[in-house]
Amino acid sequence: MKAQQDFPDLHLPQTLAESHSTGVLPSQSLRAAIEREEITADQEISEEQIQPASLDLRLGDVAYRVRASFLPGRRCSVRQRVKELAMHSVELGDGAVLERDCVYVVPLVERLNLSSNTSAIANPKSSTGRLDVFVRLITDYGLEFDQVGQGYAGPLWVEVAPRSFSILARAGSRLMQLRLKRGSPRRTDVGLRRLHESVGLVDDASGPADIKEGLLALSVDAVGTPSSDIVGFRAKKNTGLIDLEKVNQYEPDEFWEPIYSRVQKDIILSPNDFHILGSKEAVTVPLDHAAEMIAYDTLVGEFRVHYAGFFDPGFGHHDMGAAGTRAVLEVRSHEVPFVIEDGQIVGRLHYERLTERPDKLYGAAIGSSYQGQGLALSKQFKR
């Protein structure tokens, strides 16, 4: 596997030679992990799968329709639980329909054999979350979704639950990403404030940065822009099928209702409807950091920004030509209607240092779909 050098000459203080013993592993360290077989697969892992600070994971050949979501627990492998709960199987091959409101469990092509000081965390890819496809990583004897403990050796599985739209998936489809981390660096308010003062992690559109417990607040935009009064989209019911591999294919109005700004500067969330909204702040991820959306806080209301998400090094960075990039929020209200106001906090970002700056950065050079975005649907829809 040939290393791809996408690192631009930005004349910034840190160089590729500088490194840390703990932190998130960058692209070149992921290649090294593959070479020393901490990450393995029966099929070659392609350079295209390697992102600036994560690895795309591929669906295997078969999906098992199960009666219910599950965690295997301390005494079971995932395969043992699948045998107990499976209703039938679907050969993915060149394409198969995974139906809305059904739960599937799929073995992934990749396996792990992590070293004793390396752990991992998984998240949906951006396009997966924006399609309201709920995906979660499962490991043998696991007690939590999406978390892989230090030293784990074994297969990886993914739970796939389309919520708004039925999807056409294939063997090899990439629905989620895996981020590897060495050690357990602490997060602090002081460290995050220093990073914000140095880089400008968010703009000041909503006032001073809100930093709490080492996390940076994001708020919702319910006003829109001078060029558009659309502040979000609501998924329609009973729509057609979405082929995950199609890009710029589908008419948005066949699947989505626009949400327009109101004089009251708020958005009313209907129970269990799926909404695509935008952050009020522009977000920047430094070239030597990665970020993750922390999705749920019961103290801010009965709704959930329900897909945590990875933000790669270089996301929204002015030196990557992407100043003004907004975060896209996938939001669902639970139980009761809920009014969300302009500028209301809806989630928080966790910034983590990389062990070293990656040799590729988020942006058009590596085929990233959402650099420089405003309020944007997934790449399957026409712009």
Protein backbone atom coordinates (compact mmCIF):
# COMPACT_ATOMS: atom_id res chain seq x y z
CA MET A 1 0.00 0.00 0.00
CA LYS A 2 1.61 3.23 -1.16
CA ALA A 3 1.53 6.24 1.17
CA GLN A 4 -0.28 9.24 -0.23
CA GLN A 5 1.31 12.62 0.55
CA ASP A 6 -1.41 15.26 0.69
CA PHE A 7 0.18 17.43 3.35
CA PRO A 8 0.41 21.03 2.10
CA ASP A 9 3.26 23.44 2.79
CA LEU A 10 1.43 25.69 5.23
CA HIS A 11 4.46 27.17 7.01
CA LEU A 12 2.91 26.57 10.43
CA PRO A 13 4.94 25.96 13.61
CA GLN A 14 4.55 22.20 13.93
CA THR A 15 6.19 19.85 11.42
CA LEU A 16 5.62 16.24 10.57
CA ALA A 17 8.75 15.36 12.57
CA GLU A 18 7.19 16.48 15.89
CA SER A 19 5.37 13.72 17.71
CA HIS A 20 3.73 12.76 21.01
CA SER A 21 3.58 9.44 22.81
CA THR A 22 -0.20 9.67 23.35
CA GLY A 23 -3.11 10.86 21.23
CA VAL A 24 -5.16 9.97 18.17
CA LEU A 25 -3.25 8.13 15.45
CA PRO A 26 -2.91 10.04 12.13
CA SER A 27 -2.99 8.62 8.63
CA GLN A 28 0.67 7.58 8.47
CA SER A 29 0.36 5.76 11.83
CA LEU A 30 -2.74 3.94 10.57
CA ARG A 31 -0.69 2.67 7.62
CA ALA A 32 1.97 1.51 10.07
CA ALA A 33 -0.69 -0.25 12.18
CA ILE A 34 -1.86 -2.08 9.05
CA GLU A 35 1.70 -3.09 8.18
CA ARG A 36 2.34 -4.54 11.64
CA GLU A 37 -1.09 -6.26 11.48
CA GLU A 38 -2.83 -4.43 14.30
CA ILE A 39 -5.50 -3.92 11.62
CA THR A 40 -6.05 -6.82 9.23
CA ALA A 41 -8.48 -7.86 6.52
CA ASP A 42 -8.91 -10.75 4.07
CA GLN A 43 -9.11 -8.12 1.32
CA GLU A 44 -6.45 -5.46 0.88
CA ILE A 45 -7.05 -2.25 2.82
CA SER A 46 -6.95 0.55 0.28
CA GLU A 47 -5.38 3.98 0.62
CA GLU A 48 -8.85 5.42 -0.03
CA GLN A 49 -10.03 3.97 3.29
CA ILE A 50 -7.35 5.83 5.23
CA GLN A 51 -8.62 9.23 6.33
CA PRO A 52 -6.56 11.93 8.10
CA ALA A 53 -7.34 10.50 11.55
CA SER A 54 -9.55 7.45 10.98
CA LEU A 55 -10.05 4.33 8.89
CA ASP A 56 -13.19 3.59 6.88
CA LEU A 57 -14.60 0.13 7.68
CA ARG A 58 -16.24 -2.08 5.04
CA LEU A 59 -19.37 -4.23 5.21
CA GLY A 60 -18.88 -7.96 4.73
CA ASP A 61 -20.88 -10.24 2.45
CA VAL A 62 -23.98 -10.91 4.56
CA ALA A 63 -26.39 -8.96 6.77
CA TYR A 64 -28.36 -10.72 9.50
CA ARG A 65 -31.82 -9.37 10.25
CA VAL A 66 -32.16 -9.60 14.03
CA ARG A 67 -35.15 -9.29 16.35
CA ALA A 68 -33.56 -6.59 18.47
CA SER A 69 -30.45 -4.55 19.02
CA PHE A 70 -28.04 -6.13 21.51
CA LEU A 71 -24.67 -6.07 23.21
CA PRO A 72 -23.00 -9.47 23.58
CA GLY A 73 -21.90 -9.03 27.21
CA ARG A 74 -18.94 -10.59 28.96
CA ARG A 75 -19.83 -14.20 28.14
CA CYS A 76 -20.72 -14.12 24.44
CA SER A 77 -19.18 -13.44 21.09
CA VAL A 78 -21.21 -11.41 18.62
CA ARG A 79 -21.66 -14.46 16.40
CA GLN A 80 -23.18 -16.43 19.28
CA ARG A 81 -25.75 -13.69 19.90
CA VAL A 82 -26.49 -13.38 16.19
CA LYS A 83 -27.31 -17.10 16.07
CA GLU A 84 -29.80 -16.60 18.89
CA LEU A 85 -31.46 -13.47 17.51
CA ALA A 86 -31.24 -13.73 13.71
CA MET A 87 -34.52 -14.01 11.77
CA HIS A 88 -32.94 -14.40 8.33
CA SER A 89 -29.86 -13.35 6.39
CA VAL A 90 -29.41 -11.11 3.34
CA GLU A 91 -26.56 -11.60 0.88
CA LEU A 92 -25.14 -8.16 0.23
CA GLY A 93 -22.96 -9.02 -2.77
CA ASP A 94 -23.54 -6.42 -5.49
CA GLY A 95 -26.45 -4.87 -3.63
CA ALA A 96 -29.33 -5.66 -1.27
CA VAL A 97 -32.08 -3.64 0.36
CA LEU A 98 -31.86 -2.95 4.09
CA GLU A 99 -35.35 -1.88 5.05
CA ARG A 100 -36.36 1.08 7.16
CA ASP A 101 -37.14 0.33 10.82
CA CYS A 102 -35.37 -3.02 10.72
CA VAL A 103 -32.18 -3.93 12.59
CA TYR A 104 -29.33 -5.75 10.85
CA VAL A 105 -25.98 -6.96 12.12
CA VAL A 106 -23.16 -7.24 9.59
CA PRO A 107 -19.63 -8.61 10.00
CA LEU A 108 -17.02 -6.12 8.89
CA VAL A 109 -14.11 -6.96 6.60
CA GLU A 110 -11.55 -5.52 9.00
CA ARG A 111 -10.32 -7.15 12.23
CA LEU A 112 -8.21 -5.77 15.09
CA ASN A 113 -5.23 -7.00 17.06
CA LEU A 114 -4.48 -3.89 19.11
CA SER A 115 -1.42 -3.37 21.26
CA SER A 116 -1.85 -3.06 25.01
CA ASN A 117 -1.84 0.77 25.03
CA THR A 118 -4.04 1.30 21.95
CA SER A 119 -7.83 1.62 22.01
CA ALA A 120 -10.37 2.60 19.35
CA ILE A 121 -13.68 4.39 18.92
CA ALA A 122 -16.12 4.21 16.00
CA ASN A 123 -18.64 6.63 14.52
CA PRO A 124 -20.88 6.80 11.46
CA LYS A 125 -19.43 8.49 8.39
CA SER A 126 -20.98 11.89 7.72
CA SER A 127 -23.14 10.68 4.83
CA THR A 128 -24.43 7.76 6.92
CA GLY A 129 -25.61 10.02 9.72
CA ARG A 130 -27.24 12.50 7.34
CA LEU A 131 -29.29 9.66 5.88
CA ASP A 132 -30.56 8.75 9.36
CA VAL A 133 -28.91 5.33 9.19
CA PHE A 134 -28.10 4.34 12.76
CA VAL A 135 -24.85 2.35 12.83
CA ARG A 136 -22.93 1.14 15.88
CA LEU A 137 -19.81 -0.94 16.24
CA ILE A 138 -20.00 -4.19 18.24
CA THR A 139 -17.07 -6.27 19.50
CA ASP A 140 -16.93 -9.74 21.03
CA TYR A 141 -17.73 -9.70 24.75
CA GLY A 142 -18.40 -5.98 24.51
CA LEU A 143 -20.33 -3.98 27.11
CA GLU A 144 -20.56 -0.76 25.08
CA PHE A 145 -21.26 0.19 21.48
CA ASP A 146 -18.55 1.96 19.44
CA GLN A 147 -15.84 1.46 22.08
CA VAL A 148 -12.89 -0.90 21.62
CA GLY A 149 -10.74 -1.46 24.67
CA GLN A 150 -6.96 -1.45 24.77
CA GLY A 151 -5.45 -4.68 23.49
CA TYR A 152 -8.65 -5.97 21.83
CA ALA A 153 -8.05 -8.81 19.39
CA GLY A 154 -10.95 -10.10 17.33
CA PRO A 155 -13.57 -9.42 14.70
CA LEU A 156 -15.66 -6.27 14.25
CA TRP A 157 -19.40 -6.16 13.59
CA VAL A 158 -21.75 -3.29 12.88
CA GLU A 159 -25.40 -2.84 13.74
CA VAL A 160 -27.23 -1.10 10.88
CA ALA A 161 -30.70 0.36 11.45
CA PRO A 162 -32.11 2.61 8.68
CA ARG A 163 -34.56 4.98 10.36
CA SER A 164 -36.02 7.32 7.72
CA PHE A 165 -35.19 5.69 4.38
CA SER A 166 -34.63 2.15 3.14
CA ILE A 167 -31.14 1.83 1.66
CA LEU A 168 -29.34 -0.26 -0.94
CA ALA A 169 -26.03 -1.45 0.53
CA ARG A 170 -23.28 -3.65 -0.89
CA ALA A 171 -20.46 -5.78 0.36
CA GLY A 172 -17.64 -3.27 0.76
CA SER A 173 -19.93 -0.29 1.49
CA ARG A 174 -18.30 2.03 4.02
CA LEU A 175 -20.79 3.24 6.63
CA MET A 176 -18.54 3.93 9.59
CA GLN A 177 -15.05 5.02 10.65
CA LEU A 178 -12.65 3.79 13.28
CA ARG A 179 -10.32 6.13 15.15
CA LEU A 180 -7.33 4.64 17.01
CA LYS A 181 -5.93 6.25 20.14
CA ARG A 182 -2.72 5.60 22.05
CA GLY A 183 -2.92 6.18 25.79
CA SER A 184 -5.55 8.38 27.48
CA PRO A 185 -4.70 12.09 27.22
CA ARG A 186 -6.64 14.28 29.66
CA ARG A 187 -9.01 16.99 28.50
CA THR A 188 -9.10 20.25 30.44
CA ASP A 189 -10.79 23.62 30.16
CA VAL A 190 -7.42 25.36 30.35
CA GLY A 191 -5.95 23.33 27.49
CA LEU A 192 -8.99 23.86 25.28
CA ARG A 193 -9.05 27.61 25.96
CA ARG A 194 -5.41 27.86 24.97
CA LEU A 195 -6.09 25.97 21.78
CA HIS A 196 -9.06 28.21 20.99
CA GLU A 197 -7.01 31.37 21.63
CA SER A 198 -4.29 30.05 19.32
CA VAL A 199 -6.43 28.75 16.43
CA GLY A 200 -9.99 30.06 16.80
CA LEU A 201 -11.92 26.78 17.06
CA VAL A 202 -15.24 28.55 16.52
CA ASP A 203 -16.03 32.06 15.34
CA ASP A 204 -17.65 34.58 17.65
CA ALA A 205 -21.05 34.67 15.88
CA SER A 206 -22.73 33.48 19.08
CA GLY A 207 -20.51 35.28 21.54
CA PRO A 208 -17.49 34.02 23.47
CA ALA A 209 -16.65 30.32 23.21
CA ASP A 210 -18.55 28.24 25.78
CA ILE A 211 -16.07 25.74 27.27
CA LYS A 212 -17.11 23.29 29.96
CA GLU A 213 -15.45 20.09 31.19
CA GLY A 214 -12.94 20.27 28.35
CA LEU A 215 -15.68 20.44 25.70
CA LEU A 216 -16.64 23.26 23.33
CA ALA A 217 -20.31 24.12 22.88
CA LEU A 218 -22.10 24.27 19.52
CA SER A 219 -25.46 26.00 19.03
CA VAL A 220 -28.15 25.78 16.37
CA ASP A 221 -28.88 28.30 13.60
CA ALA A 222 -32.59 29.08 13.35
CA VAL A 223 -32.22 32.30 11.32
CA GLY A 224 -30.58 31.29 8.05
CA THR A 225 -28.30 33.33 5.82
CA PRO A 226 -28.78 36.47 3.71
CA SER A 227 -29.08 34.22 0.63
CA SER A 228 -31.49 31.64 2.07
CA ASP A 229 -34.19 31.45 4.73
CA ILE A 230 -34.00 27.64 4.82
CA VAL A 231 -32.69 26.64 8.25
CA GLY A 232 -33.08 22.88 8.00
CA PHE A 233 -34.72 19.85 6.43
CA ARG A 234 -37.22 17.32 7.75
CA ALA A 235 -37.23 13.76 6.38
CA LYS A 236 -40.41 12.79 4.55
CA LYS A 237 -42.28 9.56 5.28
CA ASN A 238 -42.68 6.65 2.85
CA THR A 239 -40.06 7.70 0.34
CA GLY A 240 -38.13 5.74 -2.26
CA LEU A 241 -34.94 3.73 -1.89
CA ILE A 242 -31.50 5.36 -1.56
CA ASP A 243 -28.49 3.65 -3.14
CA LEU A 244 -25.55 4.45 -0.87
CA GLU A 245 -23.06 4.44 -3.75
CA LYS A 246 -24.89 7.06 -5.83
CA VAL A 247 -23.55 10.60 -5.64
CA ASN A 248 -25.47 13.74 -6.66
CA GLN A 249 -28.30 11.44 -7.74
CA TYR A 250 -31.56 12.16 -5.92
CA GLU A 251 -33.88 15.17 -5.95
CA PRO A 252 -33.99 16.58 -2.41
CA ASP A 253 -37.69 17.44 -2.51
CA GLU A 254 -38.58 13.77 -3.03
CA PHE A 255 -37.13 12.92 0.38
CA TRP A 256 -37.01 16.15 2.39
CA GLU A 257 -39.22 19.07 3.44
CA PRO A 258 -37.41 22.38 3.88
CA ILE A 259 -37.72 24.13 7.24
CA TYR A 260 -37.94 27.91 6.93
CA SER A 261 -36.91 30.55 9.42
CA ARG A 262 -39.62 32.03 11.59
CA VAL A 263 -40.09 35.49 13.06
CA GLN A 264 -39.77 33.84 16.48
CA LYS A 265 -36.26 32.59 15.56
CA ASP A 266 -36.97 29.04 16.63
CA ILE A 267 -37.61 25.58 15.15
CA ILE A 268 -40.36 23.27 16.38
CA LEU A 269 -39.21 19.63 16.47
CA SER A 270 -42.00 17.09 16.05
CA PRO A 271 -41.60 13.85 18.03
CA ASN A 272 -39.50 11.21 16.24
CA ASP A 273 -39.13 13.24 13.05
CA PHE A 274 -35.58 13.41 11.72
CA HIS A 275 -34.14 16.88 11.12
CA ILE A 276 -31.00 18.17 9.43
CA LEU A 277 -29.97 21.49 10.98
CA GLY A 278 -26.82 23.62 10.94
CA SER A 279 -24.59 25.04 13.64
CA LYS A 280 -24.56 28.76 14.21
CA GLU A 281 -20.79 28.70 14.63
CA ALA A 282 -18.22 28.05 11.96
CA VAL A 283 -15.97 25.24 13.15
CA THR A 284 -12.21 24.82 12.75
CA VAL A 285 -10.19 21.70 13.51
CA PRO A 286 -6.44 22.38 13.81
CA LEU A 287 -4.10 20.42 11.56
CA ASP A 288 -2.66 18.50 14.52
CA HIS A 289 -5.99 17.75 16.24
CA ALA A 290 -9.15 15.77 15.62
CA ALA A 291 -12.60 16.44 17.06
CA GLU A 292 -15.70 14.46 17.92
CA MET A 293 -19.26 15.63 18.51
CA ILE A 294 -20.58 14.62 21.92
CA ALA A 295 -24.18 14.10 21.03
CA TYR A 296 -26.47 14.03 24.02
CA ASP A 297 -27.04 16.10 27.13
CA THR A 298 -30.31 15.62 29.03
CA LEU A 299 -29.91 19.04 30.63
CA VAL A 300 -30.50 20.95 27.37
CA GLY A 301 -33.87 19.43 26.39
CA GLU A 302 -35.79 16.37 25.30
CA PHE A 303 -34.07 16.03 21.96
CA ARG A 304 -30.88 14.46 20.74
CA VAL A 305 -28.23 15.35 18.23
CA HIS A 306 -28.19 11.63 17.84
CA TYR A 307 -25.24 10.81 15.64
CA ALA A 308 -21.94 11.62 17.23
CA GLY A 309 -19.50 12.50 14.48
CA PHE A 310 -15.81 12.73 13.70
CA PHE A 311 -14.25 15.98 12.49
CA ASP A 312 -10.91 15.42 10.77
CA PRO A 313 -7.74 17.54 10.96
CA GLY A 314 -8.15 20.49 8.60
CA PHE A 315 -11.97 20.60 8.73
CA GLY A 316 -13.01 24.23 8.31
CA HIS A 317 -9.40 25.42 8.42
CA HIS A 318 -8.70 28.71 6.61
CA ASP A 319 -5.40 27.39 5.24
CA MET A 320 -7.38 24.62 3.56
CA GLY A 321 -9.63 27.21 1.89
CA ALA A 322 -12.54 26.31 4.12
CA ALA A 323 -13.09 29.18 6.53
CA GLY A 324 -16.76 29.44 7.51
CA THR A 325 -17.51 25.70 7.48
CA ARG A 326 -20.54 24.84 9.61
CA ALA A 327 -21.27 21.64 11.47
CA VAL A 328 -24.34 19.75 10.30
CA LEU A 329 -26.55 18.45 13.10
CA GLU A 330 -28.82 15.39 12.89
CA VAL A 331 -31.58 16.04 15.40
CA ARG A 332 -34.55 14.06 16.70
CA SER A 333 -37.01 15.06 19.42
CA HIS A 334 -38.26 12.35 21.79
CA GLU A 335 -41.70 11.85 23.32
CA VAL A 336 -42.99 15.43 23.02
CA PRO A 337 -42.71 18.36 20.58
CA PHE A 338 -39.81 20.61 21.49
CA VAL A 339 -39.01 24.20 20.54
CA ILE A 340 -35.34 24.80 19.87
CA GLU A 341 -34.29 28.45 19.76
CA ASP A 342 -31.67 30.20 17.68
CA GLY A 343 -28.33 30.01 19.46
CA GLN A 344 -29.41 27.22 21.82
CA ILE A 345 -26.62 24.78 22.70
CA VAL A 346 -27.26 21.39 21.09
CA GLY A 347 -23.95 19.56 21.42
CA ARG A 348 -20.30 19.85 22.36
CA LEU A 349 -17.04 19.15 20.56
CA HIS A 350 -14.23 17.13 22.09
CA TYR A 351 -10.85 18.09 20.61
CA GLU A 352 -7.99 15.59 20.85
CA ARG A 353 -4.36 16.02 19.93
CA LEU A 354 -2.87 13.68 17.34
CA THR A 355 0.37 11.86 18.02
CA GLU A 356 1.71 13.80 15.01
CA ARG A 357 0.33 15.85 12.17
CA PRO A 358 -1.16 13.64 9.41
CA ASP A 359 0.27 13.41 5.91
CA LYS A 360 -3.21 13.99 4.47
CA LEU A 361 -5.78 16.55 5.57
CA TYR A 362 -9.52 16.94 5.24
CA GLY A 363 -10.49 18.56 1.94
CA ALA A 364 -11.01 18.17 -1.79
CA ALA A 365 -7.52 16.70 -2.31
CA ILE A 366 -8.61 13.44 -0.66
CA GLY A 367 -12.23 13.50 -1.88
CA SER A 368 -13.83 14.90 1.28
CA SER A 369 -17.45 15.77 0.55
CA TYR A 370 -18.29 18.50 3.06
CA GLN A 371 -15.35 20.89 3.32
CA GLY A 372 -16.61 24.48 3.18
CA GLN A 373 -20.21 23.36 3.71
CA GLY A 374 -23.11 25.35 4.96
CA LEU A 375 -26.38 23.50 5.60
CA ALA A 376 -25.88 20.40 3.42
CA LEU A 377 -27.69 17.12 2.84
CA SER A 378 -25.70 13.92 2.27
CA LYS A 379 -23.70 13.53 -0.93
CA GLN A 380 -26.35 11.26 -2.50
CA PHE A 381 -28.61 14.29 -3.10
CA LYS A 382 -28.29 16.86 -5.86
CA ARG A 383 -26.83 20.14 -4.69
